C-alpha atoms as a PDB file:
ATOM      1  CA  UNK A   1      14.299 -18.030  28.590  1.00  0.00           C
ATOM      2  CA  UNK A   2      14.745 -20.014  25.371  1.00  0.00           C
ATOM      3  CA  UNK A   3      15.124 -23.327  27.228  1.00  0.00           C
ATOM      4  CA  UNK A   4      12.070 -22.580  29.379  1.00  0.00           C
ATOM      5  CA  UNK A   5      10.000 -21.901  26.272  1.00  0.00           C
ATOM      6  CA  UNK A   6      11.238 -25.144  24.746  1.00  0.00           C
ATOM      7  CA  UNK A   7      10.142 -26.931  27.956  1.00  0.00           C
ATOM      8  CA  UNK A   8       6.700 -25.335  27.787  1.00  0.00           C
ATOM      9  CA  UNK A   9       6.272 -26.493  24.177  1.00  0.00           C
ATOM     10  CA  UNK A  10       7.253 -30.019  25.176  1.00  0.00           C
ATOM     11  CA  UNK A  11       4.912 -29.900  28.192  1.00  0.00           C
ATOM     12  CA  UNK A  12       1.903 -29.160  25.955  1.00  0.00           C
ATOM     13  CA  UNK A  13       2.775 -32.187  23.824  1.00  0.00           C
ATOM     14  CA  UNK A  14       4.700 -30.621  20.945  1.00  0.00           C
ATOM     15  CA  UNK A  15       7.747 -32.024  19.210  1.00  0.00           C
ATOM     16  CA  UNK A  16      10.247 -29.186  19.644  1.00  0.00           C
ATOM     17  CA  UNK A  17      12.459 -30.664  16.910  1.00  0.00           C
ATOM     18  CA  UNK A  18       9.911 -30.404  14.091  1.00  0.00           C
ATOM     19  CA  UNK A  19      10.632 -27.834  11.379  1.00  0.00           C
ATOM     20  CA  UNK A  20       8.024 -25.247  12.382  1.00  0.00           C
ATOM     21  CA  UNK A  21       9.069 -25.206  16.045  1.00  0.00           C
ATOM     22  CA  UNK A  22      12.855 -25.429  15.945  1.00  0.00           C
ATOM     23  CA  UNK A  23      13.328 -21.651  16.089  1.00  0.00           C
ATOM     24  CA  UNK A  24      10.114 -20.846  17.969  1.00  0.00           C
ATOM     25  CA  UNK A  25      11.752 -20.564  21.423  1.00  0.00           C
ATOM     26  CA  UNK A  26      14.204 -17.997  20.049  1.00  0.00           C
ATOM     27  CA  UNK A  27      11.397 -16.051  18.314  1.00  0.00           C
ATOM     28  CA  UNK A  28       9.205 -16.089  21.448  1.00  0.00           C
ATOM     29  CA  UNK A  29      12.159 -14.901  23.535  1.00  0.00           C
ATOM     30  CA  UNK A  30      12.699 -12.008  21.121  1.00  0.00           C
ATOM     31  CA  UNK A  31       8.988 -11.142  20.986  1.00  0.00           C
ATOM     32  CA  UNK A  32       8.583 -11.153  24.776  1.00  0.00           C
ATOM     33  CA  UNK A  33      11.628  -8.962  25.241  1.00  0.00           C
ATOM     34  CA  UNK A  34      10.201  -6.470  22.726  1.00  0.00           C
ATOM     35  CA  UNK A  35       6.662  -6.583  24.164  1.00  0.00           C
ATOM     36  CA  UNK A  36       7.991  -5.912  27.679  1.00  0.00           C
ATOM     37  CA  UNK A  37      10.601  -3.328  26.692  1.00  0.00           C
ATOM     38  CA  UNK A  38       8.828  -0.687  28.770  1.00  0.00           C
ATOM     39  CA  UNK A  39      10.545  -1.960  31.918  1.00  0.00           C
ATOM     40  CA  UNK A  40      13.840  -0.528  30.664  1.00  0.00           C
ATOM     41  CA  UNK A  41      12.365   2.930  30.003  1.00  0.00           C
ATOM     42  CA  UNK A  42      11.405   5.796  32.271  1.00  0.00           C
ATOM     43  CA  UNK A  43       9.349   8.962  31.689  1.00  0.00           C
ATOM     44  CA  UNK A  44      12.310  11.331  32.084  1.00  0.00           C
ATOM     45  CA  UNK A  45      14.160   9.548  29.265  1.00  0.00           C
ATOM     46  CA  UNK A  46      11.081   9.750  27.063  1.00  0.00           C
ATOM     47  CA  UNK A  47      10.302  13.406  27.775  1.00  0.00           C
ATOM     48  CA  UNK A  48      13.971  14.284  27.289  1.00  0.00           C
ATOM     49  CA  UNK A  49      13.376  17.929  28.119  1.00  0.00           C
ATOM     50  CA  UNK A  50      10.567  18.340  25.570  1.00  0.00           C
ATOM     51  CA  UNK A  51       8.619  20.704  27.862  1.00  0.00           C
ATOM     52  CA  UNK A  52       8.111  24.163  26.454  1.00  0.00           C
ATOM     53  CA  UNK A  53       6.952  27.436  28.004  1.00  0.00           C
ATOM     54  CA  UNK A  54       3.849  28.382  26.031  1.00  0.00           C
ATOM     55  CA  UNK A  55       0.937  30.595  27.048  1.00  0.00           C
ATOM     56  CA  UNK A  56      -1.783  28.170  25.954  1.00  0.00           C
ATOM     57  CA  UNK A  57      -4.520  27.188  28.377  1.00  0.00           C
ATOM     58  CA  UNK A  58      -6.986  25.206  26.269  1.00  0.00           C
ATOM     59  CA  UNK A  59      -7.321  21.456  26.124  1.00  0.00           C
ATOM     60  CA  UNK A  60      -4.668  19.480  24.213  1.00  0.00           C
ATOM     61  CA  UNK A  61      -5.855  16.058  23.036  1.00  0.00           C
ATOM     62  CA  UNK A  62      -4.010  13.216  21.378  1.00  0.00           C
ATOM     63  CA  UNK A  63      -6.627  10.633  20.528  1.00  0.00           C
ATOM     64  CA  UNK A  64      -6.786   7.230  18.875  1.00  0.00           C
ATOM     65  CA  UNK A  65      -3.307   6.255  20.037  1.00  0.00           C
ATOM     66  CA  UNK A  66      -2.970   2.572  19.197  1.00  0.00           C
ATOM     67  CA  UNK A  67      -2.188   0.593  22.304  1.00  0.00           C
ATOM     68  CA  UNK A  68      -1.016  -3.021  22.577  1.00  0.00           C
ATOM     69  CA  UNK A  69      -0.176  -4.729  25.837  1.00  0.00           C
ATOM     70  CA  UNK A  70      -0.019  -8.132  27.522  1.00  0.00           C
ATOM     71  CA  UNK A  71      -2.503  -9.037  30.230  1.00  0.00           C
ATOM     72  CA  UNK A  72      -0.550  -9.955  33.342  1.00  0.00           C
ATOM     73  CA  UNK A  73      -3.076 -12.662  34.253  1.00  0.00           C
ATOM     74  CA  UNK A  74      -2.823 -14.807  31.098  1.00  0.00           C
ATOM     75  CA  UNK A  75       0.030 -13.246  29.078  1.00  0.00           C
ATOM     76  CA  UNK A  76      -2.446 -12.734  26.251  1.00  0.00           C
ATOM     77  CA  UNK A  77      -2.631  -9.462  24.307  1.00  0.00           C
ATOM     78  CA  UNK A  78      -5.114  -6.680  24.750  1.00  0.00           C
ATOM     79  CA  UNK A  79      -5.303  -3.875  22.228  1.00  0.00           C
ATOM     80  CA  UNK A  80      -7.293  -0.802  21.347  1.00  0.00           C
ATOM     81  CA  UNK A  81      -7.189   2.976  21.461  1.00  0.00           C
ATOM     82  CA  UNK A  82      -5.962   5.389  24.091  1.00  0.00           C
ATOM     83  CA  UNK A  83      -7.141   8.999  24.286  1.00  0.00           C
ATOM     84  CA  UNK A  84      -5.118  11.499  26.322  1.00  0.00           C
ATOM     85  CA  UNK A  85      -5.849  15.135  27.135  1.00  0.00           C
ATOM     86  CA  UNK A  86      -4.305  17.762  29.356  1.00  0.00           C
ATOM     87  CA  UNK A  87      -4.858  21.420  30.064  1.00  0.00           C
ATOM     88  CA  UNK A  88      -1.508  23.240  30.095  1.00  0.00           C
ATOM     89  CA  UNK A  89      -0.444  25.304  33.061  1.00  0.00           C
ATOM     90  CA  UNK A  90       2.292  27.388  31.406  1.00  0.00           C
ATOM     91  CA  UNK A  91       4.015  24.397  29.777  1.00  0.00           C
ATOM     92  CA  UNK A  92       3.232  22.103  26.879  1.00  0.00           C
ATOM     93  CA  UNK A  93       4.907  18.836  25.935  1.00  0.00           C
ATOM     94  CA  UNK A  94       6.002  17.702  22.482  1.00  0.00           C
ATOM     95  CA  UNK A  95       2.995  15.865  21.046  1.00  0.00           C
ATOM     96  CA  UNK A  96       4.963  12.725  20.155  1.00  0.00           C
ATOM     97  CA  UNK A  97       5.905  12.288  23.822  1.00  0.00           C
ATOM     98  CA  UNK A  98       2.353  11.382  24.830  1.00  0.00           C
ATOM     99  CA  UNK A  99       2.129   8.225  22.653  1.00  0.00           C
ATOM    100  CA  UNK A 100       5.658   7.338  23.794  1.00  0.00           C
ATOM    101  CA  UNK A 101       4.531   7.442  27.443  1.00  0.00           C
ATOM    102  CA  UNK A 102       1.511   5.297  26.520  1.00  0.00           C
ATOM    103  CA  UNK A 103       3.824   2.772  24.826  1.00  0.00           C
ATOM    104  CA  UNK A 104       6.266   2.710  27.734  1.00  0.00           C
ATOM    105  CA  UNK A 105       3.587   1.573  30.173  1.00  0.00           C
ATOM    106  CA  UNK A 106       1.835  -0.660  27.623  1.00  0.00           C
ATOM    107  CA  UNK A 107       5.097  -2.561  27.049  1.00  0.00           C
ATOM    108  CA  UNK A 108       4.894  -4.071  30.525  1.00  0.00           C
ATOM    109  CA  UNK A 109       2.705  -6.824  31.871  1.00  0.00           C
ATOM    110  CA  UNK A 110      -0.480  -4.938  32.635  1.00  0.00           C
ATOM    111  CA  UNK A 111      -4.095  -4.685  33.571  1.00  0.00           C
ATOM    112  CA  UNK A 112      -5.960  -1.995  31.658  1.00  0.00           C
ATOM    113  CA  UNK A 113      -7.024  -0.195  34.823  1.00  0.00           C
ATOM    114  CA  UNK A 114      -3.447   0.299  36.052  1.00  0.00           C
ATOM    115  CA  UNK A 115      -2.227   1.223  32.560  1.00  0.00           C
ATOM    116  CA  UNK A 116      -4.811   4.017  32.403  1.00  0.00           C
ATOM    117  CA  UNK A 117      -3.855   5.350  35.830  1.00  0.00           C
ATOM    118  CA  UNK A 118      -0.087   5.166  35.218  1.00  0.00           C
ATOM    119  CA  UNK A 119      -0.370   7.219  32.035  1.00  0.00           C
ATOM    120  CA  UNK A 120      -2.500   9.894  33.716  1.00  0.00           C
ATOM    121  CA  UNK A 121      -0.395  10.111  36.875  1.00  0.00           C
ATOM    122  CA  UNK A 122       2.871  10.341  34.931  1.00  0.00           C
ATOM    123  CA  UNK A 123       1.617  13.147  32.699  1.00  0.00           C
ATOM    124  CA  UNK A 124       0.247  14.919  35.764  1.00  0.00           C
ATOM    125  CA  UNK A 125       3.539  14.612  37.677  1.00  0.00           C
ATOM    126  CA  UNK A 126       5.860  15.519  34.794  1.00  0.00           C
ATOM    127  CA  UNK A 127       3.928  18.293  33.026  1.00  0.00           C
ATOM    128  CA  UNK A 128       2.034  19.646  36.058  1.00  0.00           C
ATOM    129  CA  UNK A 129      -1.020  20.663  34.002  1.00  0.00           C
ATOM    130  CA  UNK A 130      -4.355  21.962  35.291  1.00  0.00           C
ATOM    131  CA  UNK A 131      -5.810  18.538  34.545  1.00  0.00           C
ATOM    132  CA  UNK A 132      -5.273  15.235  32.755  1.00  0.00           C
ATOM    133  CA  UNK A 133      -7.742  12.785  31.226  1.00  0.00           C
ATOM    134  CA  UNK A 134      -7.006   9.317  29.878  1.00  0.00           C
ATOM    135  CA  UNK A 135      -9.526   6.895  28.385  1.00  0.00           C
ATOM    136  CA  UNK A 136      -8.589   3.465  27.034  1.00  0.00           C
ATOM    137  CA  UNK A 137     -10.951   1.305  24.976  1.00  0.00           C
ATOM    138  CA  UNK A 138      -9.545  -2.191  24.461  1.00  0.00           C
ATOM    139  CA  UNK A 139     -10.358  -5.725  23.469  1.00  0.00           C
ATOM    140  CA  UNK A 140      -8.795  -8.491  25.563  1.00  0.00           C
ATOM    141  CA  UNK A 141      -7.896 -11.807  23.964  1.00  0.00           C
ATOM    142  CA  UNK A 142      -8.251 -13.436  27.381  1.00  0.00           C
ATOM    143  CA  UNK A 143     -11.989 -12.639  27.087  1.00  0.00           C
ATOM    144  CA  UNK A 144     -12.276 -13.237  23.349  1.00  0.00           C
ATOM    145  CA  UNK A 145     -10.328 -16.495  22.876  1.00  0.00           C
ATOM    146  CA  UNK A 146     -10.935 -18.185  26.228  1.00  0.00           C
ATOM    147  CA  UNK A 147     -13.066 -17.786  29.324  1.00  0.00           C
ATOM    148  CA  UNK A 148     -16.343 -16.078  28.421  1.00  0.00           C
ATOM    149  CA  UNK A 149     -15.463 -16.000  24.683  1.00  0.00           C
ATOM    150  CA  UNK A 150     -17.198 -12.689  23.976  1.00  0.00           C
ATOM    151  CA  UNK A 151     -15.747 -11.577  20.636  1.00  0.00           C
ATOM    152  CA  UNK A 152     -17.274  -8.089  20.554  1.00  0.00           C
ATOM    153  CA  UNK A 153     -16.646  -6.992  24.121  1.00  0.00           C
ATOM    154  CA  UNK A 154     -14.670  -3.797  24.733  1.00  0.00           C
ATOM    155  CA  UNK A 155     -13.368  -2.708  28.121  1.00  0.00           C
ATOM    156  CA  UNK A 156     -13.338   1.044  28.771  1.00  0.00           C
ATOM    157  CA  UNK A 157     -11.316   2.620  31.573  1.00  0.00           C
ATOM    158  CA  UNK A 158     -10.717   6.233  32.488  1.00  0.00           C
ATOM    159  CA  UNK A 159      -8.608   8.339  34.779  1.00  0.00           C
ATOM    160  CA  UNK A 160      -9.572  11.974  35.330  1.00  0.00           C
ATOM    161  CA  UNK A 161      -7.333  14.287  37.334  1.00  0.00           C
ATOM    162  CA  UNK A 162      -7.530  17.973  38.254  1.00  0.00           C
ATOM    163  CA  UNK A 163      -9.895  20.018  36.075  1.00  0.00           C
ATOM    164  CA  UNK A 164     -11.220  16.869  34.357  1.00  0.00           C
ATOM    165  CA  UNK A 165     -12.236  15.362  37.679  1.00  0.00           C
ATOM    166  CA  UNK A 166     -13.470  18.584  39.289  1.00  0.00           C
ATOM    167  CA  UNK A 167     -15.351  20.130  36.369  1.00  0.00           C
ATOM    168  CA  UNK A 168     -18.145  18.217  34.637  1.00  0.00           C
ATOM    169  CA  UNK A 169     -18.096  20.613  31.633  1.00  0.00           C
ATOM    170  CA  UNK A 170     -14.371  20.016  31.068  1.00  0.00           C
ATOM    171  CA  UNK A 171     -14.846  16.255  31.318  1.00  0.00           C
ATOM    172  CA  UNK A 172     -17.811  16.391  28.898  1.00  0.00           C
ATOM    173  CA  UNK A 173     -15.873  18.506  26.400  1.00  0.00           C
ATOM    174  CA  UNK A 174     -13.058  15.923  26.405  1.00  0.00           C
ATOM    175  CA  UNK A 175     -15.416  12.965  26.007  1.00  0.00           C
ATOM    176  CA  UNK A 176     -17.355  14.701  23.208  1.00  0.00           C
ATOM    177  CA  UNK A 177     -14.174  15.581  21.309  1.00  0.00           C
ATOM    178  CA  UNK A 178     -12.739  12.073  21.704  1.00  0.00           C
ATOM    179  CA  UNK A 179     -15.860  10.393  20.373  1.00  0.00           C
ATOM    180  CA  UNK A 180     -16.318  12.735  17.393  1.00  0.00           C
ATOM    181  CA  UNK A 181     -15.376  11.033  14.160  1.00  0.00           C
END
């Protein structure tokens, strides 16, 4: 990948031998490998048996999870907050596992819509709760720096499964709790 990055720098008219760029291909290689590290992870590794039998049947929310990803269309970052909720069905998951699942999918080339759905579907499949809700609010540098150049735009996506999809009161409770500051 390093030689390809060097070729890209040359193709845009840069001198790849100047001081500031000599190590750039190596740094970009390292950064891209880190930013796409989610391909080498899977949910079972992340959950690592952290499911616990607990008689709790109220909503569990982890909100304001920082999310950073790369848009698959332009390889530019998008970033924001992810809010995740589930209603246990006899099992709960270690709270730190939810942000780890978010990070696993975010560290892949993405579109926000698919990222939202993948998080919700994975939690639904692995925890088997009564319902799952995921909302992501993000700013996309592909919209801010290029294209329409709208610096204050925020994209919001949601995925509601089970009780969150079927019950308006449950969905409203989640949305109200997430937007309380």
